[in-house]
Amino acid sequence: MSIPAQKAEPLSLEDEIRALLAEGRISDAKRLVDGAGDLLPAGSRLREIFYPTITKLDMRDVDRTGEYRWLKENGRNFRGKWVAVAGENLVLATDSLKELLARLKEIDTPVQPLIHHIG
């Protein structure tokens, strides 16, 4: 008596993509992802492998590490003041924001200073 051969369960789409990746068949796996459409969820880790999220930086962003270092090291000496700091340098310190902004208009700085009130 012979035992009927059991059919192997078909692989899920994600398992099939993983198998292709494991075999080093990257192009085939990418083609499968491209053709999957809604069958592969938008947040799928496999989709992320081929199409990583790209974050665009706003060119207005400036590294403020120097300014924060200055505030940490010197802020206690300027309690109650409004300060303008560029890099690791104090540009100006005043009692009011209005005065600080008015006086900053007269000063040319290489980068826009960080303005902060030290409480």
PDB file of N, CA and C in Angstrom:
ATOM      1  N   MET A   1       0.840  -1.160   0.000  1.00  0.00           N
ATOM      2  CA  MET A   1       0.000   0.000   0.000  1.00  0.00           C
ATOM      3  C   MET A   1       0.896   1.237   0.000  1.00  0.00           C
ATOM      4  N   SER A   2       0.576   2.175  -0.833  1.00  0.00           N
ATOM      5  CA  SER A   2       1.403   3.377  -0.909  1.00  0.00           C
ATOM      6  C   SER A   2       0.714   4.532  -0.190  1.00  0.00           C
ATOM      7  N   ILE A   3       1.548   5.347   0.392  1.00  0.00           N
ATOM      8  CA  ILE A   3       1.034   6.524   1.120  1.00  0.00           C
ATOM      9  C   ILE A   3       1.002   7.685   0.141  1.00  0.00           C
ATOM     10  N   PRO A   4      -0.155   8.316   0.036  1.00  0.00           N
ATOM     11  CA  PRO A   4      -0.240   9.440  -0.906  1.00  0.00           C
ATOM     12  C   PRO A   4       0.718  10.560  -0.491  1.00  0.00           C
ATOM     13  N   ALA A   5       1.377  11.114  -1.477  1.00  0.00           N
ATOM     14  CA  ALA A   5       2.315  12.215  -1.216  1.00  0.00           C
ATOM     15  C   ALA A   5       1.524  13.446  -0.788  1.00  0.00           C
ATOM     16  N   GLN A   6       2.005  14.062   0.258  1.00  0.00           N
ATOM     17  CA  GLN A   6       1.341  15.270   0.736  1.00  0.00           C
ATOM     18  C   GLN A   6       1.898  16.477  -0.007  1.00  0.00           C
ATOM     19  N   LYS A   7       1.007  17.318  -0.398  1.00  0.00           N
ATOM     20  CA  LYS A   7       1.432  18.543  -1.060  1.00  0.00           C
ATOM     21  C   LYS A   7       1.953  19.515  -0.010  1.00  0.00           C
ATOM     22  N   ALA A   8       3.052  20.159  -0.332  1.00  0.00           N
ATOM     23  CA  ALA A   8       3.595  21.165   0.583  1.00  0.00           C
ATOM     24  C   ALA A   8       2.705  22.400   0.533  1.00  0.00           C
ATOM     25  N   GLU A   9       2.494  22.965   1.687  1.00  0.00           N
ATOM     26  CA  GLU A   9       1.700  24.194   1.759  1.00  0.00           C
ATOM     27  C   GLU A   9       2.445  25.285   0.991  1.00  0.00           C
ATOM     28  N   PRO A  10       1.734  26.068   0.203  1.00  0.00           N
ATOM     29  CA  PRO A  10       2.414  27.163  -0.504  1.00  0.00           C
ATOM     30  C   PRO A  10       2.932  28.186   0.510  1.00  0.00           C
ATOM     31  N   LEU A  11       4.068  28.753   0.177  1.00  0.00           N
ATOM     32  CA  LEU A  11       4.655  29.763   1.054  1.00  0.00           C
ATOM     33  C   LEU A  11       3.835  31.046   0.994  1.00  0.00           C
ATOM     34  N   SER A  12       3.768  31.715   2.109  1.00  0.00           N
ATOM     35  CA  SER A  12       3.130  33.032   2.095  1.00  0.00           C
ATOM     36  C   SER A  12       4.038  33.965   1.295  1.00  0.00           C
ATOM     37  N   LEU A  13       3.502  35.072   0.873  1.00  0.00           N
ATOM     38  CA  LEU A  13       4.277  36.036   0.094  1.00  0.00           C
ATOM     39  C   LEU A  13       5.523  36.472   0.863  1.00  0.00           C
ATOM     40  N   GLU A  14       5.351  36.784   2.139  1.00  0.00           N
ATOM     41  CA  GLU A  14       6.501  37.220   2.938  1.00  0.00           C
ATOM     42  C   GLU A  14       7.533  36.106   3.085  1.00  0.00           C
ATOM     43  N   ASP A  15       7.069  34.865   3.277  1.00  0.00           N
ATOM     44  CA  ASP A  15       8.001  33.740   3.392  1.00  0.00           C
ATOM     45  C   ASP A  15       8.740  33.516   2.081  1.00  0.00           C
ATOM     46  N   GLU A  16       8.038  33.691   0.971  1.00  0.00           N
ATOM     47  CA  GLU A  16       8.673  33.517  -0.332  1.00  0.00           C
ATOM     48  C   GLU A  16       9.756  34.570  -0.552  1.00  0.00           C
ATOM     49  N   ILE A  17       9.459  35.812  -0.158  1.00  0.00           N
ATOM     50  CA  ILE A  17      10.454  36.883  -0.284  1.00  0.00           C
ATOM     51  C   ILE A  17      11.651  36.588   0.612  1.00  0.00           C
ATOM     52  N   ARG A  18      11.383  36.149   1.836  1.00  0.00           N
ATOM     53  CA  ARG A  18      12.477  35.805   2.759  1.00  0.00           C
ATOM     54  C   ARG A  18      13.334  34.674   2.206  1.00  0.00           C
ATOM     55  N   ALA A  19      12.697  33.678   1.597  1.00  0.00           N
ATOM     56  CA  ALA A  19      13.435  32.548   1.025  1.00  0.00           C
ATOM     57  C   ALA A  19      14.338  33.035  -0.105  1.00  0.00           C
ATOM     58  N   LEU A  20      13.827  33.909  -0.950  1.00  0.00           N
ATOM     59  CA  LEU A  20      14.648  34.453  -2.031  1.00  0.00           C
ATOM     60  C   LEU A  20      15.836  35.228  -1.477  1.00  0.00           C
ATOM     61  N   LEU A  21      15.593  36.026  -0.439  1.00  0.00           N
ATOM     62  CA  LEU A  21      16.690  36.774   0.188  1.00  0.00           C
ATOM     63  C   LEU A  21      17.724  35.831   0.789  1.00  0.00           C
ATOM     64  N   ALA A  22      17.257  34.756   1.429  1.00  0.00           N
ATOM     65  CA  ALA A  22      18.168  33.783   2.042  1.00  0.00           C
ATOM     66  C   ALA A  22      19.033  33.100   0.985  1.00  0.00           C
ATOM     67  N   GLU A  23      18.493  32.929  -0.208  1.00  0.00           N
ATOM     68  CA  GLU A  23      19.237  32.300  -1.308  1.00  0.00           C
ATOM     69  C   GLU A  23      20.138  33.305  -2.024  1.00  0.00           C
ATOM     70  N   GLY A  24      20.052  34.569  -1.631  1.00  0.00           N
ATOM     71  CA  GLY A  24      20.875  35.585  -2.265  1.00  0.00           C
ATOM     72  C   GLY A  24      20.265  36.106  -3.559  1.00  0.00           C
ATOM     73  N   ARG A  25      19.024  35.809  -3.800  1.00  0.00           N
ATOM     74  CA  ARG A  25      18.343  36.239  -5.031  1.00  0.00           C
ATOM     75  C   ARG A  25      17.630  37.572  -4.782  1.00  0.00           C
ATOM     76  N   ILE A  26      18.443  38.579  -4.571  1.00  0.00           N
ATOM     77  CA  ILE A  26      17.951  39.896  -4.186  1.00  0.00           C
ATOM     78  C   ILE A  26      17.055  40.500  -5.267  1.00  0.00           C
ATOM     79  N   SER A  27      17.498  40.430  -6.515  1.00  0.00           N
ATOM     80  CA  SER A  27      16.714  41.021  -7.611  1.00  0.00           C
ATOM     81  C   SER A  27      15.346  40.363  -7.725  1.00  0.00           C
ATOM     82  N   ASP A  28      15.309  39.022  -7.579  1.00  0.00           N
ATOM     83  CA  ASP A  28      14.026  38.316  -7.642  1.00  0.00           C
ATOM     84  C   ASP A  28      13.120  38.728  -6.483  1.00  0.00           C
ATOM     85  N   ALA A  29      13.699  38.875  -5.295  1.00  0.00           N
ATOM     86  CA  ALA A  29      12.920  39.283  -4.128  1.00  0.00           C
ATOM     87  C   ALA A  29      12.364  40.693  -4.330  1.00  0.00           C
ATOM     88  N   LYS A  30      13.191  41.588  -4.878  1.00  0.00           N
ATOM     89  CA  LYS A  30      12.743  42.964  -5.115  1.00  0.00           C
ATOM     90  C   LYS A  30      11.621  42.982  -6.144  1.00  0.00           C
ATOM     91  N   ARG A  31      11.739  42.172  -7.205  1.00  0.00           N
ATOM     92  CA  ARG A  31      10.671  42.098  -8.205  1.00  0.00           C
ATOM     93  C   ARG A  31       9.364  41.627  -7.581  1.00  0.00           C
ATOM     94  N   LEU A  32       9.471  40.667  -6.669  1.00  0.00           N
ATOM     95  CA  LEU A  32       8.281  40.155  -5.992  1.00  0.00           C
ATOM     96  C   LEU A  32       7.646  41.241  -5.107  1.00  0.00           C
ATOM     97  N   VAL A  33       8.484  41.989  -4.400  1.00  0.00           N
ATOM     98  CA  VAL A  33       7.987  43.096  -3.567  1.00  0.00           C
ATOM     99  C   VAL A  33       7.317  44.141  -4.452  1.00  0.00           C
ATOM    100  N   ASP A  34       7.962  44.469  -5.581  1.00  0.00           N
ATOM    101  CA  ASP A  34       7.407  45.483  -6.487  1.00  0.00           C
ATOM    102  C   ASP A  34       6.036  45.067  -7.023  1.00  0.00           C
ATOM    103  N   GLY A  35       5.859  43.779  -7.288  1.00  0.00           N
ATOM    104  CA  GLY A  35       4.607  43.309  -7.846  1.00  0.00           C
ATOM    105  C   GLY A  35       3.555  42.952  -6.811  1.00  0.00           C
ATOM    106  N   ALA A  36       3.922  43.029  -5.540  1.00  0.00           N
ATOM    107  CA  ALA A  36       3.016  42.580  -4.480  1.00  0.00           C
ATOM    108  C   ALA A  36       1.833  43.515  -4.270  1.00  0.00           C
ATOM    109  N   GLY A  37       2.024  44.782  -4.558  1.00  0.00           N
ATOM    110  CA  GLY A  37       0.930  45.740  -4.353  1.00  0.00           C
ATOM    111  C   GLY A  37       0.439  45.717  -2.915  1.00  0.00           C
ATOM    112  N   ASP A  38      -0.889  45.627  -2.752  1.00  0.00           N
ATOM    113  CA  ASP A  38      -1.499  45.651  -1.415  1.00  0.00           C
ATOM    114  C   ASP A  38      -1.353  44.327  -0.664  1.00  0.00           C
ATOM    115  N   LEU A  39      -0.845  43.293  -1.341  1.00  0.00           N
ATOM    116  CA  LEU A  39      -0.675  42.007  -0.666  1.00  0.00           C
ATOM    117  C   LEU A  39       0.415  42.067   0.402  1.00  0.00           C
ATOM    118  N   LEU A  40       1.329  43.021   0.234  1.00  0.00           N
ATOM    119  CA  LEU A  40       2.390  43.228   1.222  1.00  0.00           C
ATOM    120  C   LEU A  40       2.084  44.550   1.909  1.00  0.00           C
ATOM    121  N   PRO A  41       1.784  44.534   3.209  1.00  0.00           N
ATOM    122  CA  PRO A  41       1.382  45.768   3.907  1.00  0.00           C
ATOM    123  C   PRO A  41       2.409  46.891   3.745  1.00  0.00           C
ATOM    124  N   ALA A  42       1.926  48.113   3.720  1.00  0.00           N
ATOM    125  CA  ALA A  42       2.785  49.281   3.533  1.00  0.00           C
ATOM    126  C   ALA A  42       3.876  49.361   4.606  1.00  0.00           C
ATOM    127  N   GLY A  43       3.569  48.959   5.817  1.00  0.00           N
ATOM    128  CA  GLY A  43       4.540  49.041   6.904  1.00  0.00           C
ATOM    129  C   GLY A  43       5.416  47.804   7.034  1.00  0.00           C
ATOM    130  N   SER A  44       5.351  46.919   6.064  1.00  0.00           N
ATOM    131  CA  SER A  44       6.104  45.668   6.136  1.00  0.00           C
ATOM    132  C   SER A  44       7.598  45.924   6.203  1.00  0.00           C
ATOM    133  N   ARG A  45       8.253  45.188   7.065  1.00  0.00           N
ATOM    134  CA  ARG A  45       9.709  45.297   7.204  1.00  0.00           C
ATOM    135  C   ARG A  45      10.391  44.923   5.891  1.00  0.00           C
ATOM    136  N   LEU A  46       9.811  43.970   5.165  1.00  0.00           N
ATOM    137  CA  LEU A  46      10.391  43.563   3.884  1.00  0.00           C
ATOM    138  C   LEU A  46      10.314  44.697   2.869  1.00  0.00           C
ATOM    139  N   ARG A  47       9.225  45.429   2.866  1.00  0.00           N
ATOM    140  CA  ARG A  47       9.111  46.571   1.950  1.00  0.00           C
ATOM    141  C   ARG A  47      10.146  47.631   2.339  1.00  0.00           C
ATOM    142  N   GLU A  48      10.368  47.807   3.622  1.00  0.00           N
ATOM    143  CA  GLU A  48      11.326  48.795   4.126  1.00  0.00           C
ATOM    144  C   GLU A  48      12.761  48.465   3.696  1.00  0.00           C
ATOM    145  N   ILE A  49      13.072  47.177   3.543  1.00  0.00           N
ATOM    146  CA  ILE A  49      14.413  46.768   3.110  1.00  0.00           C
ATOM    147  C   ILE A  49      14.733  47.358   1.744  1.00  0.00           C
ATOM    148  N   PHE A  50      13.766  47.293   0.847  1.00  0.00           N
ATOM    149  CA  PHE A  50      13.998  47.769  -0.512  1.00  0.00           C
ATOM    150  C   PHE A  50      13.700  49.253  -0.692  1.00  0.00           C
ATOM    151  N   TYR A  51      12.830  49.787   0.133  1.00  0.00           N
ATOM    152  CA  TYR A  51      12.441  51.185   0.020  1.00  0.00           C
ATOM    153  C   TYR A  51      12.473  51.839   1.398  1.00  0.00           C
ATOM    154  N   PRO A  52      13.673  52.101   1.909  1.00  0.00           N
ATOM    155  CA  PRO A  52      13.768  52.694   3.242  1.00  0.00           C
ATOM    156  C   PRO A  52      13.175  54.098   3.277  1.00  0.00           C
ATOM    157  N   THR A  53      12.670  54.462   4.433  1.00  0.00           N
ATOM    158  CA  THR A  53      12.126  55.801   4.620  1.00  0.00           C
ATOM    159  C   THR A  53      13.270  56.794   4.560  1.00  0.00           C
ATOM    160  N   ILE A  54      13.080  57.833   3.792  1.00  0.00           N
ATOM    161  CA  ILE A  54      14.120  58.851   3.652  1.00  0.00           C
ATOM    162  C   ILE A  54      13.644  60.103   4.367  1.00  0.00           C
ATOM    163  N   THR A  55      14.476  60.585   5.260  1.00  0.00           N
ATOM    164  CA  THR A  55      14.157  61.802   5.993  1.00  0.00           C
ATOM    165  C   THR A  55      14.920  62.952   5.360  1.00  0.00           C
ATOM    166  N   LYS A  56      14.202  63.982   4.990  1.00  0.00           N
ATOM    167  CA  LYS A  56      14.848  65.146   4.412  1.00  0.00           C
ATOM    168  C   LYS A  56      15.067  66.174   5.510  1.00  0.00           C
ATOM    169  N   LEU A  57      16.266  66.708   5.550  1.00  0.00           N
ATOM    170  CA  LEU A  57      16.579  67.732   6.539  1.00  0.00           C
ATOM    171  C   LEU A  57      16.235  69.102   5.982  1.00  0.00           C
ATOM    172  N   ASP A  58      15.698  69.918   6.816  1.00  0.00           N
ATOM    173  CA  ASP A  58      15.416  71.292   6.448  1.00  0.00           C
ATOM    174  C   ASP A  58      16.747  72.029   6.473  1.00  0.00           C
ATOM    175  N   MET A  59      17.077  72.690   5.401  1.00  0.00           N
ATOM    176  CA  MET A  59      18.366  73.370   5.316  1.00  0.00           C
ATOM    177  C   MET A  59      18.485  74.507   6.332  1.00  0.00           C
ATOM    178  N   ARG A  60      17.386  74.908   6.939  1.00  0.00           N
ATOM    179  CA  ARG A  60      17.444  75.949   7.960  1.00  0.00           C
ATOM    180  C   ARG A  60      17.964  75.404   9.282  1.00  0.00           C
ATOM    181  N   ASP A  61      17.947  74.085   9.433  1.00  0.00           N
ATOM    182  CA  ASP A  61      18.424  73.483  10.676  1.00  0.00           C
ATOM    183  C   ASP A  61      19.922  73.730  10.826  1.00  0.00           C
ATOM    184  N   VAL A  62      20.318  74.045  12.022  1.00  0.00           N
ATOM    185  CA  VAL A  62      21.709  74.326  12.327  1.00  0.00           C
ATOM    186  C   VAL A  62      22.096  73.475  13.524  1.00  0.00           C
ATOM    187  N   ASP A  63      23.325  72.992  13.534  1.00  0.00           N
ATOM    188  CA  ASP A  63      23.810  72.239  14.688  1.00  0.00           C
ATOM    189  C   ASP A  63      24.006  73.226  15.841  1.00  0.00           C
ATOM    190  N   ARG A  64      23.256  73.053  16.886  1.00  0.00           N
ATOM    191  CA  ARG A  64      23.303  73.976  18.024  1.00  0.00           C
ATOM    192  C   ARG A  64      24.082  73.406  19.214  1.00  0.00           C
ATOM    193  N   THR A  65      24.919  72.420  18.966  1.00  0.00           N
ATOM    194  CA  THR A  65      25.690  71.799  20.042  1.00  0.00           C
ATOM    195  C   THR A  65      26.511  72.825  20.815  1.00  0.00           C
ATOM    196  N   GLY A  66      27.173  73.727  20.116  1.00  0.00           N
ATOM    197  CA  GLY A  66      28.005  74.749  20.768  1.00  0.00           C
ATOM    198  C   GLY A  66      27.197  75.676  21.649  1.00  0.00           C
ATOM    199  N   GLU A  67      26.031  76.077  21.140  1.00  0.00           N
ATOM    200  CA  GLU A  67      25.174  76.969  21.913  1.00  0.00           C
ATOM    201  C   GLU A  67      24.684  76.296  23.188  1.00  0.00           C
ATOM    202  N   TYR A  68      24.264  75.043  23.077  1.00  0.00           N
ATOM    203  CA  TYR A  68      23.775  74.325  24.265  1.00  0.00           C
ATOM    204  C   TYR A  68      24.914  74.096  25.262  1.00  0.00           C
ATOM    205  N   ARG A  69      26.100  73.859  24.750  1.00  0.00           N
ATOM    206  CA  ARG A  69      27.258  73.691  25.641  1.00  0.00           C
ATOM    207  C   ARG A  69      27.509  75.003  26.393  1.00  0.00           C
ATOM    208  N   TRP A  70      27.443  76.136  25.668  1.00  0.00           N
ATOM    209  CA  TRP A  70      27.652  77.432  26.314  1.00  0.00           C
ATOM    210  C   TRP A  70      26.605  77.646  27.401  1.00  0.00           C
ATOM    211  N   LEU A  71      25.337  77.387  27.078  1.00  0.00           N
ATOM    212  CA  LEU A  71      24.268  77.571  28.061  1.00  0.00           C
ATOM    213  C   LEU A  71      24.494  76.705  29.296  1.00  0.00           C
ATOM    214  N   LYS A  72      24.916  75.466  29.093  1.00  0.00           N
ATOM    215  CA  LYS A  72      25.138  74.564  30.223  1.00  0.00           C
ATOM    216  C   LYS A  72      26.277  75.072  31.104  1.00  0.00           C
ATOM    217  N   GLU A  73      27.342  75.554  30.466  1.00  0.00           N
ATOM    218  CA  GLU A  73      28.521  75.973  31.219  1.00  0.00           C
ATOM    219  C   GLU A  73      28.400  77.383  31.809  1.00  0.00           C
ATOM    220  N   ASN A  74      27.640  78.264  31.173  1.00  0.00           N
ATOM    221  CA  ASN A  74      27.630  79.674  31.577  1.00  0.00           C
ATOM    222  C   ASN A  74      26.270  80.224  31.976  1.00  0.00           C
ATOM    223  N   GLY A  75      25.215  79.485  31.727  1.00  0.00           N
ATOM    224  CA  GLY A  75      23.869  79.977  31.963  1.00  0.00           C
ATOM    225  C   GLY A  75      23.622  80.497  33.359  1.00  0.00           C
ATOM    226  N   ARG A  76      24.202  79.839  34.348  1.00  0.00           N
ATOM    227  CA  ARG A  76      23.959  80.258  35.741  1.00  0.00           C
ATOM    228  C   ARG A  76      24.429  81.689  36.004  1.00  0.00           C
ATOM    229  N   ASN A  77      25.349  82.188  35.194  1.00  0.00           N
ATOM    230  CA  ASN A  77      25.851  83.552  35.372  1.00  0.00           C
ATOM    231  C   ASN A  77      24.933  84.607  34.750  1.00  0.00           C
ATOM    232  N   PHE A  78      23.872  84.154  34.060  1.00  0.00           N
ATOM    233  CA  PHE A  78      22.993  85.085  33.348  1.00  0.00           C
ATOM    234  C   PHE A  78      21.526  84.859  33.705  1.00  0.00           C
ATOM    235  N   ARG A  79      21.267  84.440  34.940  1.00  0.00           N
ATOM    236  CA  ARG A  79      19.889  84.196  35.373  1.00  0.00           C
ATOM    237  C   ARG A  79      19.042  85.463  35.222  1.00  0.00           C
ATOM    238  N   GLY A  80      17.821  85.262  34.670  1.00  0.00           N
ATOM    239  CA  GLY A  80      16.906  86.380  34.477  1.00  0.00           C
ATOM    240  C   GLY A  80      17.180  87.177  33.210  1.00  0.00           C
ATOM    241  N   LYS A  81      18.174  86.808  32.443  1.00  0.00           N
ATOM    242  CA  LYS A  81      18.554  87.547  31.235  1.00  0.00           C
ATOM    243  C   LYS A  81      18.092  86.823  29.975  1.00  0.00           C
ATOM    244  N   TRP A  82      17.947  87.608  28.927  1.00  0.00           N
ATOM    245  CA  TRP A  82      17.776  87.087  27.577  1.00  0.00           C
ATOM    246  C   TRP A  82      19.160  87.080  26.954  1.00  0.00           C
ATOM    247  N   VAL A  83      19.552  85.932  26.388  1.00  0.00           N
ATOM    248  CA  VAL A  83      20.879  85.834  25.776  1.00  0.00           C
ATOM    249  C   VAL A  83      20.757  85.427  24.315  1.00  0.00           C
ATOM    250  N   ALA A  84      21.722  85.879  23.543  1.00  0.00           N
ATOM    251  CA  ALA A  84      21.881  85.436  22.157  1.00  0.00           C
ATOM    252  C   ALA A  84      23.252  84.781  22.096  1.00  0.00           C
ATOM    253  N   VAL A  85      23.281  83.522  21.668  1.00  0.00           N
ATOM    254  CA  VAL A  85      24.518  82.750  21.653  1.00  0.00           C
ATOM    255  C   VAL A  85      24.726  82.208  20.239  1.00  0.00           C
ATOM    256  N   ALA A  86      25.958  82.361  19.721  1.00  0.00           N
ATOM    257  CA  ALA A  86      26.320  81.815  18.416  1.00  0.00           C
ATOM    258  C   ALA A  86      27.534  80.917  18.617  1.00  0.00           C
ATOM    259  N   GLY A  87      27.371  79.656  18.299  1.00  0.00           N
ATOM    260  CA  GLY A  87      28.455  78.705  18.582  1.00  0.00           C
ATOM    261  C   GLY A  87      28.643  78.633  20.083  1.00  0.00           C
ATOM    262  N   GLU A  88      29.881  78.760  20.522  1.00  0.00           N
ATOM    263  CA  GLU A  88      30.152  78.739  21.961  1.00  0.00           C
ATOM    264  C   GLU A  88      30.443  80.146  22.483  1.00  0.00           C
ATOM    265  N   ASN A  89      29.865  81.157  21.793  1.00  0.00           N
ATOM    266  CA  ASN A  89      30.134  82.544  22.156  1.00  0.00           C
ATOM    267  C   ASN A  89      28.850  83.296  22.470  1.00  0.00           C
ATOM    268  N   LEU A  90      28.909  84.058  23.549  1.00  0.00           N
ATOM    269  CA  LEU A  90      27.803  84.943  23.887  1.00  0.00           C
ATOM    270  C   LEU A  90      27.868  86.136  22.939  1.00  0.00           C
ATOM    271  N   VAL A  91      26.776  86.405  22.264  1.00  0.00           N
ATOM    272  CA  VAL A  91      26.702  87.558  21.371  1.00  0.00           C
ATOM    273  C   VAL A  91      26.180  88.765  22.150  1.00  0.00           C
ATOM    274  N   LEU A  92      25.148  88.514  22.963  1.00  0.00           N
ATOM    275  CA  LEU A  92      24.490  89.616  23.657  1.00  0.00           C
ATOM    276  C   LEU A  92      23.671  89.079  24.817  1.00  0.00           C
ATOM    277  N   ALA A  93      23.566  89.873  25.894  1.00  0.00           N
ATOM    278  CA  ALA A  93      22.694  89.546  27.022  1.00  0.00           C
ATOM    279  C   ALA A  93      21.974  90.814  27.434  1.00  0.00           C
ATOM    280  N   THR A  94      20.645  90.725  27.579  1.00  0.00           N
ATOM    281  CA  THR A  94      19.845  91.899  27.968  1.00  0.00           C
ATOM    282  C   THR A  94      18.769  91.462  28.957  1.00  0.00           C
ATOM    283  N   ASP A  95      18.072  92.473  29.506  1.00  0.00           N
ATOM    284  CA  ASP A  95      16.998  92.198  30.456  1.00  0.00           C
ATOM    285  C   ASP A  95      15.667  91.879  29.769  1.00  0.00           C
ATOM    286  N   SER A  96      15.496  92.328  28.508  1.00  0.00           N
ATOM    287  CA  SER A  96      14.223  92.090  27.837  1.00  0.00           C
ATOM    288  C   SER A  96      14.450  91.540  26.427  1.00  0.00           C
ATOM    289  N   LEU A  97      13.476  90.779  25.978  1.00  0.00           N
ATOM    290  CA  LEU A  97      13.530  90.229  24.621  1.00  0.00           C
ATOM    291  C   LEU A  97      13.484  91.362  23.601  1.00  0.00           C
ATOM    292  N   LYS A  98      12.649  92.342  23.846  1.00  0.00           N
ATOM    293  CA  LYS A  98      12.515  93.464  22.921  1.00  0.00           C
ATOM    294  C   LYS A  98      13.859  94.158  22.719  1.00  0.00           C
ATOM    295  N   GLU A  99      14.566  94.397  23.813  1.00  0.00           N
ATOM    296  CA  GLU A  99      15.880  95.043  23.735  1.00  0.00           C
ATOM    297  C   GLU A  99      16.883  94.139  23.007  1.00  0.00           C
ATOM    298  N   LEU A 100      16.844  92.859  23.308  1.00  0.00           N
ATOM    299  CA  LEU A 100      17.768  91.917  22.671  1.00  0.00           C
ATOM    300  C   LEU A 100      17.575  91.917  21.156  1.00  0.00           C
ATOM    301  N   LEU A 101      16.325  91.821  20.714  1.00  0.00           N
ATOM    302  CA  LEU A 101      16.042  91.781  19.283  1.00  0.00           C
ATOM    303  C   LEU A 101      16.448  93.082  18.592  1.00  0.00           C
ATOM    304  N   ALA A 102      16.200  94.210  19.243  1.00  0.00           N
ATOM    305  CA  ALA A 102      16.576  95.503  18.661  1.00  0.00           C
ATOM    306  C   ALA A 102      18.087  95.610  18.512  1.00  0.00           C
ATOM    307  N   ARG A 103      18.808  95.213  19.520  1.00  0.00           N
ATOM    308  CA  ARG A 103      20.277  95.316  19.465  1.00  0.00           C
ATOM    309  C   ARG A 103      20.898  94.285  18.535  1.00  0.00           C
ATOM    310  N   LEU A 104      20.249  93.130  18.377  1.00  0.00           N
ATOM    311  CA  LEU A 104      20.770  92.116  17.458  1.00  0.00           C
ATOM    312  C   LEU A 104      20.735  92.586  16.010  1.00  0.00           C
ATOM    313  N   LYS A 105      19.789  93.457  15.687  1.00  0.00           N
ATOM    314  CA  LYS A 105      19.704  93.995  14.321  1.00  0.00           C
ATOM    315  C   LYS A 105      20.960  94.767  13.941  1.00  0.00           C
ATOM    316  N   GLU A 106      21.665  95.287  14.954  1.00  0.00           N
ATOM    317  CA  GLU A 106      22.868  96.094  14.716  1.00  0.00           C
ATOM    318  C   GLU A 106      24.135  95.242  14.656  1.00  0.00           C
ATOM    319  N   ILE A 107      24.021  93.961  14.958  1.00  0.00           N
ATOM    320  CA  ILE A 107      25.196  93.086  15.040  1.00  0.00           C
ATOM    321  C   ILE A 107      25.168  92.083  13.892  1.00  0.00           C
ATOM    322  N   ASP A 108      26.310  91.939  13.221  1.00  0.00           N
ATOM    323  CA  ASP A 108      26.420  90.963  12.134  1.00  0.00           C
ATOM    324  C   ASP A 108      27.069  89.700  12.693  1.00  0.00           C
ATOM    325  N   THR A 109      26.358  88.594  12.622  1.00  0.00           N
ATOM    326  CA  THR A 109      26.900  87.320  13.100  1.00  0.00           C
ATOM    327  C   THR A 109      26.929  86.326  11.940  1.00  0.00           C
ATOM    328  N   PRO A 110      27.913  85.419  11.908  1.00  0.00           N
ATOM    329  CA  PRO A 110      28.016  84.461  10.802  1.00  0.00           C
ATOM    330  C   PRO A 110      26.828  83.485  10.731  1.00  0.00           C
ATOM    331  N   VAL A 111      26.237  83.173  11.871  1.00  0.00           N
ATOM    332  CA  VAL A 111      25.046  82.316  11.912  1.00  0.00           C
ATOM    333  C   VAL A 111      23.996  83.019  12.768  1.00  0.00           C
ATOM    334  N   GLN A 112      22.759  82.649  12.531  1.00  0.00           N
ATOM    335  CA  GLN A 112      21.663  83.192  13.345  1.00  0.00           C
ATOM    336  C   GLN A 112      21.868  82.731  14.778  1.00  0.00           C
ATOM    337  N   PRO A 113      21.984  83.649  15.736  1.00  0.00           N
ATOM    338  CA  PRO A 113      22.211  83.214  17.112  1.00  0.00           C
ATOM    339  C   PRO A 113      20.980  82.531  17.718  1.00  0.00           C
ATOM    340  N   LEU A 114      21.233  81.670  18.673  1.00  0.00           N
ATOM    341  CA  LEU A 114      20.184  81.047  19.448  1.00  0.00           C
ATOM    342  C   LEU A 114      19.757  82.048  20.516  1.00  0.00           C
ATOM    343  N   ILE A 115      18.471  82.305  20.596  1.00  0.00           N
ATOM    344  CA  ILE A 115      17.953  83.257  21.583  1.00  0.00           C
ATOM    345  C   ILE A 115      17.278  82.436  22.694  1.00  0.00           C
ATOM    346  N   HIS A 116      17.626  82.757  23.938  1.00  0.00           N
ATOM    347  CA  HIS A 116      17.132  81.956  25.045  1.00  0.00           C
ATOM    348  C   HIS A 116      16.980  82.826  26.290  1.00  0.00           C
ATOM    349  N   HIS A 117      15.909  82.591  27.033  1.00  0.00           N
ATOM    350  CA  HIS A 117      15.739  83.270  28.328  1.00  0.00           C
ATOM    351  C   HIS A 117      16.187  82.314  29.417  1.00  0.00           C
ATOM    352  N   ILE A 118      17.070  82.794  30.266  1.00  0.00           N
ATOM    353  CA  ILE A 118      17.578  81.951  31.342  1.00  0.00           C
ATOM    354  C   ILE A 118      16.817  82.298  32.612  1.00  0.00           C
ATOM    355  N   GLY A 119      16.003  81.365  33.050  1.00  0.00           N
ATOM    356  CA  GLY A 119      15.151  81.600  34.197  1.00  0.00           C
ATOM    357  C   GLY A 119      15.818  81.388  35.515  1.00  0.00           C
TER     358      GLY A 119
END
